[in-house]
């Protein structure tokens, strides 16, 4: 992509949200600049090494955050293509229909969504196809209505778990296989190794946002990705709308404009970016523009 022509959309973050959206935008032929703070997780033997992944935290950035009491801690966060999906356990369950309504909890009330499950249901089907989800929802007594089956059947349980399943059924319970996004079928890359949840995949058999979305999107020719690029701030124009981003890309500060911006850098870092984007018109940051309820939260 040549930036003599303004991209249609700038997407910040290549994880579950940004990576998936980039895939769909590229399918429609839109010009996208995908900005990722990290780079690809290398596929190597250490992907399977418990000591390297969990104890030494080889793939997690060394940075310190503050907790609510002002104490330092090192968060479980990742800056890489595919975001947290490189380390997720591949489980992809749908929200239940009741989750979209008002839900009362012991600590308060979760307000209803502005949409219903039925409106989102077709997009669940699209996502399950993109991520090649395996499973059998027919055994799940809580499974909501679906307009299409999962792309693949269940992967099957290991002998020990299979025995547990049969014993639970014998007691009248209804265990069911979780829907999982793995490339485990003839011609697939998954070798059913002993490490998956919390580990990156050395074979590319985990259907994460990089393998299923970012890589195919780049192949379309409609997407340019900047790696090792940290968005420093969102910039508003005279009309009050975001019209550019300031990016530190491989040591060089750049300003890029677009027609539409998608902020998908994770809950904490997206919020931090909005706060860094404060200006004279919005001295507490641009959170208000993206979420009208921010002012009330900030005041409390």
Protein backbone atom coordinates (compact mmCIF):
# COMPACT_ATOMS: atom_id res chain seq x y z
CA UNK A 1 0.00 0.00 0.00
CA UNK A 2 1.34 3.42 -0.87
CA UNK A 3 0.51 6.12 1.67
CA UNK A 4 0.35 8.74 -1.03
CA UNK A 5 -3.24 7.48 -0.86
CA UNK A 6 -4.89 7.60 2.55
CA UNK A 7 -5.86 4.15 3.85
CA UNK A 8 -9.57 3.58 4.32
CA UNK A 9 -9.10 2.29 7.85
CA UNK A 10 -6.35 2.16 10.45
CA UNK A 11 -6.63 -0.78 12.86
CA UNK A 12 -4.63 -0.57 16.09
CA UNK A 13 -3.88 -4.05 17.43
CA UNK A 14 -3.81 -7.42 15.65
CA UNK A 15 -5.44 -9.68 18.25
CA UNK A 16 -8.89 -11.24 18.45
CA UNK A 17 -10.64 -7.97 17.64
CA UNK A 18 -8.26 -6.14 15.34
CA UNK A 19 -6.93 -9.19 13.53
CA UNK A 20 -10.38 -10.61 12.82
CA UNK A 21 -11.75 -7.27 11.65
CA UNK A 22 -8.75 -6.76 9.37
CA UNK A 23 -9.48 -10.11 7.75
CA UNK A 24 -13.08 -9.16 6.96
CA UNK A 25 -12.15 -5.66 5.78
CA UNK A 26 -9.57 -7.10 3.40
CA UNK A 27 -12.20 -9.51 2.05
CA UNK A 28 -14.19 -6.47 0.95
CA UNK A 29 -11.18 -4.89 -0.74
CA UNK A 30 -10.73 -2.02 1.72
CA UNK A 31 -7.26 -0.55 2.20
CA UNK A 32 -6.14 -1.18 5.77
CA UNK A 33 -3.10 -0.14 7.77
CA UNK A 34 -2.71 -2.62 10.63
CA UNK A 35 -0.52 -1.29 13.45
CA UNK A 36 0.99 -3.86 15.84
CA UNK A 37 3.15 -3.00 18.84
CA UNK A 38 5.14 -6.25 18.64
CA UNK A 39 6.16 -8.77 16.02
CA UNK A 40 5.53 -12.44 15.29
CA UNK A 41 6.12 -14.99 18.05
CA UNK A 42 8.88 -17.26 16.70
CA UNK A 43 7.98 -20.90 16.14
CA UNK A 44 10.65 -22.78 18.03
CA UNK A 45 11.25 -25.57 20.52
CA UNK A 46 10.86 -23.17 23.47
CA UNK A 47 7.16 -22.82 22.53
CA UNK A 48 6.71 -26.18 24.31
CA UNK A 49 9.07 -25.43 27.22
CA UNK A 50 7.25 -24.84 30.53
CA UNK A 51 10.29 -23.21 32.10
CA UNK A 52 10.68 -20.71 29.25
CA UNK A 53 6.98 -19.94 28.74
CA UNK A 54 5.73 -19.75 32.34
CA UNK A 55 8.68 -19.31 34.69
CA UNK A 56 10.98 -17.15 32.56
CA UNK A 57 8.04 -15.65 30.59
CA UNK A 58 10.13 -15.53 27.46
CA UNK A 59 7.35 -14.20 25.23
CA UNK A 60 5.93 -11.61 27.62
CA UNK A 61 7.34 -8.05 27.61
CA UNK A 62 9.25 -7.01 30.69
CA UNK A 63 7.30 -4.01 31.94
CA UNK A 64 5.82 -3.04 35.28
CA UNK A 65 2.30 -1.84 35.98
CA UNK A 66 0.80 -0.44 39.18
CA UNK A 67 -2.06 -2.12 41.04
CA UNK A 68 -4.82 -0.23 42.84
CA UNK A 69 -2.58 0.15 45.89
CA UNK A 70 0.31 1.60 43.90
CA UNK A 71 2.40 -1.57 44.04
CA UNK A 72 4.44 -2.75 41.06
CA UNK A 73 3.58 -5.99 39.30
CA UNK A 74 4.48 -7.60 36.01
CA UNK A 75 1.27 -8.25 34.05
CA UNK A 76 0.41 -11.27 31.94
CA UNK A 77 0.21 -9.38 28.68
CA UNK A 78 1.73 -9.86 25.24
CA UNK A 79 2.72 -7.57 22.39
CA UNK A 80 2.83 -9.69 19.26
CA UNK A 81 0.96 -10.41 16.04
CA UNK A 82 -2.22 -12.22 17.02
CA UNK A 83 -2.24 -10.69 20.50
CA UNK A 84 -3.40 -12.89 23.36
CA UNK A 85 -4.84 -15.48 20.97
CA UNK A 86 -1.30 -16.80 20.47
CA UNK A 87 -1.52 -18.04 24.05
CA UNK A 88 -5.21 -18.81 24.50
CA UNK A 89 -6.60 -22.28 25.15
CA UNK A 90 -8.48 -22.29 21.79
CA UNK A 91 -11.93 -22.44 23.46
CA UNK A 92 -14.54 -20.41 21.54
CA UNK A 93 -17.92 -20.51 23.25
CA UNK A 94 -20.83 -18.25 22.39
CA UNK A 95 -22.49 -15.98 24.91
CA UNK A 96 -25.92 -17.29 25.88
CA UNK A 97 -29.06 -15.41 24.88
CA UNK A 98 -29.69 -14.44 28.51
CA UNK A 99 -26.26 -12.79 28.71
CA UNK A 100 -27.50 -9.99 26.45
CA UNK A 101 -30.26 -9.04 28.88
CA UNK A 102 -30.05 -7.53 32.34
CA UNK A 103 -28.26 -9.94 34.66
CA UNK A 104 -28.32 -9.63 38.43
CA UNK A 105 -25.21 -10.63 40.34
CA UNK A 106 -24.35 -10.65 44.03
CA UNK A 107 -22.37 -7.43 43.57
CA UNK A 108 -24.89 -5.58 41.42
CA UNK A 109 -26.72 -5.51 38.11
CA UNK A 110 -25.11 -5.95 34.72
CA UNK A 111 -27.21 -3.79 32.34
CA UNK A 112 -28.70 -5.19 29.16
CA UNK A 113 -26.81 -4.91 25.89
CA UNK A 114 -28.19 -2.58 23.19
CA UNK A 115 -28.46 -5.64 20.90
CA UNK A 116 -29.85 -9.15 21.29
CA UNK A 117 -28.26 -12.52 20.71
CA UNK A 118 -30.33 -13.06 17.58
CA UNK A 119 -28.71 -10.01 15.95
CA UNK A 120 -25.21 -11.30 16.65
CA UNK A 121 -25.89 -14.96 15.86
CA UNK A 122 -25.00 -14.84 12.12
CA UNK A 123 -21.66 -13.27 12.98
CA UNK A 124 -20.89 -16.04 15.47
CA UNK A 125 -21.29 -18.43 12.53
CA UNK A 126 -18.87 -16.39 10.43
CA UNK A 127 -16.31 -16.26 13.25
CA UNK A 128 -16.54 -20.01 13.85
CA UNK A 129 -15.88 -20.60 10.16
CA UNK A 130 -12.92 -18.22 10.06
CA UNK A 131 -11.37 -19.88 13.13
CA UNK A 132 -12.17 -23.45 12.06
CA UNK A 133 -13.90 -24.37 15.31
CA UNK A 134 -14.35 -28.04 16.29
CA UNK A 135 -17.11 -29.26 18.58
CA UNK A 136 -20.57 -30.73 19.04
CA UNK A 137 -22.97 -28.21 20.61
CA UNK A 138 -25.87 -30.68 20.56
CA UNK A 139 -24.74 -32.11 23.91
CA UNK A 140 -24.64 -28.68 25.59
CA UNK A 141 -27.93 -28.07 27.43
CA UNK A 142 -27.22 -24.33 27.58
CA UNK A 143 -26.42 -23.92 23.88
CA UNK A 144 -28.47 -21.09 22.34
CA UNK A 145 -30.10 -21.19 18.91
CA UNK A 146 -27.65 -21.47 16.03
CA UNK A 147 -28.34 -21.18 12.31
CA UNK A 148 -25.39 -23.32 11.22
CA UNK A 149 -23.38 -26.21 12.68
CA UNK A 150 -19.75 -25.88 13.70
CA UNK A 151 -17.32 -26.40 10.81
CA UNK A 152 -15.81 -29.54 12.35
CA UNK A 153 -16.85 -32.22 14.83
CA UNK A 154 -15.35 -32.60 18.31
CA UNK A 155 -11.66 -33.47 18.60
CA UNK A 156 -12.38 -36.21 21.14
CA UNK A 157 -11.17 -36.62 24.70
CA UNK A 158 -8.03 -38.23 26.03
CA UNK A 159 -8.69 -41.69 27.60
CA UNK A 160 -8.74 -40.40 31.18
CA UNK A 161 -11.19 -37.59 30.38
CA UNK A 162 -13.31 -39.92 28.23
CA UNK A 163 -13.70 -42.19 31.25
CA UNK A 164 -14.70 -39.21 33.42
CA UNK A 165 -17.29 -38.19 30.81
CA UNK A 166 -18.90 -41.64 30.84
CA UNK A 167 -19.04 -41.73 34.63
CA UNK A 168 -20.67 -38.29 34.72
CA UNK A 169 -23.25 -39.42 32.17
CA UNK A 170 -23.91 -42.44 34.36
CA UNK A 171 -24.90 -40.08 37.15
CA UNK A 172 -27.40 -38.28 34.92
CA UNK A 173 -25.19 -35.29 34.18
CA UNK A 174 -24.65 -33.80 30.73
CA UNK A 175 -20.96 -33.17 29.99
CA UNK A 176 -20.19 -31.77 26.56
CA UNK A 177 -17.05 -31.04 24.52
CA UNK A 178 -15.93 -27.43 24.45
CA UNK A 179 -15.72 -25.82 21.01
CA UNK A 180 -12.04 -25.38 20.19
CA UNK A 181 -10.21 -23.57 17.39
CA UNK A 182 -7.49 -26.03 16.36
CA UNK A 183 -6.32 -27.22 12.98
CA UNK A 184 -6.90 -30.88 13.88
CA UNK A 185 -8.28 -32.70 10.84
CA UNK A 186 -6.81 -34.40 7.75
CA UNK A 187 -4.25 -32.03 6.29
CA UNK A 188 -4.23 -29.83 9.40
CA UNK A 189 -1.16 -28.58 11.28
CA UNK A 190 -2.15 -29.61 14.80
CA UNK A 191 -0.17 -32.62 16.10
CA UNK A 192 -2.13 -32.82 19.37
CA UNK A 193 0.90 -32.10 21.53
CA UNK A 194 0.86 -31.90 25.31
CA UNK A 195 1.06 -28.09 25.44
CA UNK A 196 -1.64 -25.74 24.19
CA UNK A 197 -3.35 -23.54 26.77
CA UNK A 198 -0.96 -20.74 27.72
CA UNK A 199 1.67 -21.78 25.17
CA UNK A 200 2.34 -20.43 21.67
CA UNK A 201 2.05 -23.07 18.95
CA UNK A 202 5.27 -24.29 17.33
CA UNK A 203 3.44 -25.94 14.41
CA UNK A 204 0.86 -23.24 13.63
CA UNK A 205 -1.90 -25.69 14.54
CA UNK A 206 -3.60 -23.31 16.94
CA UNK A 207 -6.17 -21.30 15.00
CA UNK A 208 -5.27 -17.89 16.39
CA UNK A 209 -5.74 -14.40 14.99
CA UNK A 210 -2.37 -14.44 13.25
CA UNK A 211 -2.75 -17.71 11.36
CA UNK A 212 -6.46 -17.42 10.54
CA UNK A 213 -6.83 -13.68 10.01
CA UNK A 214 -3.70 -11.55 9.72
CA UNK A 215 -1.74 -13.85 7.41
CA UNK A 216 -4.66 -14.34 4.95
CA UNK A 217 -5.41 -10.60 5.07
CA UNK A 218 -1.85 -9.71 4.13
CA UNK A 219 -2.03 -12.08 1.16
CA UNK A 220 -4.89 -10.08 -0.35
CA UNK A 221 -2.63 -7.10 -1.04
CA UNK A 222 -5.13 -4.76 0.59
CA UNK A 223 -3.40 -4.68 4.00
CA UNK A 224 -0.13 -3.16 5.13
CA UNK A 225 1.13 -4.05 8.61
CA UNK A 226 3.53 -2.00 10.68
CA UNK A 227 5.27 -4.17 13.27
CA UNK A 228 7.12 -2.86 16.33
CA UNK A 229 4.90 0.19 16.08
CA UNK A 230 3.53 1.86 19.21
CA UNK A 231 0.68 4.33 18.77
CA UNK A 232 1.51 7.26 21.03
CA UNK A 233 -1.69 9.25 20.65
CA UNK A 234 -4.86 9.81 18.67
CA UNK A 235 -5.09 13.25 17.09
CA UNK A 236 -8.32 15.21 16.69
CA UNK A 237 -9.02 17.61 13.87
CA UNK A 238 -10.81 20.97 14.01
CA UNK A 239 -14.14 19.16 13.73
CA UNK A 240 -13.42 17.27 16.96
CA UNK A 241 -13.10 13.88 15.25
CA UNK A 242 -10.03 11.67 15.27
CA UNK A 243 -8.29 12.19 11.94
CA UNK A 244 -4.74 10.89 12.52
CA UNK A 245 -2.51 8.82 14.78
CA UNK A 246 1.01 9.48 15.96
CA UNK A 247 3.06 6.28 15.76
CA UNK A 248 6.57 5.40 16.92
CA UNK A 249 7.45 2.93 14.17
CA UNK A 250 10.84 1.28 14.59
CA UNK A 251 12.29 4.38 16.23
CA UNK A 252 10.76 6.91 13.84
CA UNK A 253 7.76 9.05 14.83
CA UNK A 254 5.15 9.13 12.06
CA UNK A 255 1.73 10.70 11.69
CA UNK A 256 -0.81 8.84 9.55
CA UNK A 257 -4.33 9.83 8.59
CA UNK A 258 -7.32 7.68 7.65
CA UNK A 259 -11.06 7.89 7.20
CA UNK A 260 -11.88 5.46 10.01
CA UNK A 261 -9.94 4.25 13.08
CA UNK A 262 -10.37 1.03 15.04
CA UNK A 263 -8.84 0.88 18.50
CA UNK A 264 -8.33 -2.76 19.49
CA UNK A 265 -5.24 -2.77 21.69
CA UNK A 266 -6.76 -4.64 24.63
CA UNK A 267 -8.77 -3.30 27.56
CA UNK A 268 -5.87 -1.72 29.47
CA UNK A 269 -3.71 -0.45 26.61
CA UNK A 270 -6.68 0.90 24.65
CA UNK A 271 -7.69 2.92 27.70
CA UNK A 272 -4.11 4.07 28.26
CA UNK A 273 -3.93 5.29 24.67
CA UNK A 274 -7.16 7.25 25.05
CA UNK A 275 -5.77 8.91 28.18
CA UNK A 276 -2.49 9.74 26.41
CA UNK A 277 -4.52 11.45 23.70
CA UNK A 278 -5.69 14.29 25.95
CA UNK A 279 -5.79 17.74 24.35
CA UNK A 280 -7.14 21.21 25.17
CA UNK A 281 -10.67 20.24 24.16
CA UNK A 282 -10.53 16.94 26.08
CA UNK A 283 -8.12 17.40 28.98
CA UNK A 284 -8.91 13.97 30.48
CA UNK A 285 -8.33 12.14 27.20
CA UNK A 286 -10.50 11.03 24.31
CA UNK A 287 -12.36 8.32 26.24
CA UNK A 288 -15.55 10.44 26.15
CA UNK A 289 -15.58 10.42 22.38
CA UNK A 290 -15.36 6.64 22.16
CA UNK A 291 -17.56 5.89 25.19
CA UNK A 292 -20.13 8.45 26.46
CA UNK A 293 -20.23 6.75 29.87
CA UNK A 294 -16.56 7.60 30.51
CA UNK A 295 -17.30 10.96 32.15
CA UNK A 296 -19.51 9.39 34.80
CA UNK A 297 -16.91 6.69 35.52
CA UNK A 298 -14.07 9.18 35.63
CA UNK A 299 -15.91 11.44 38.07
CA UNK A 300 -16.36 8.56 40.51
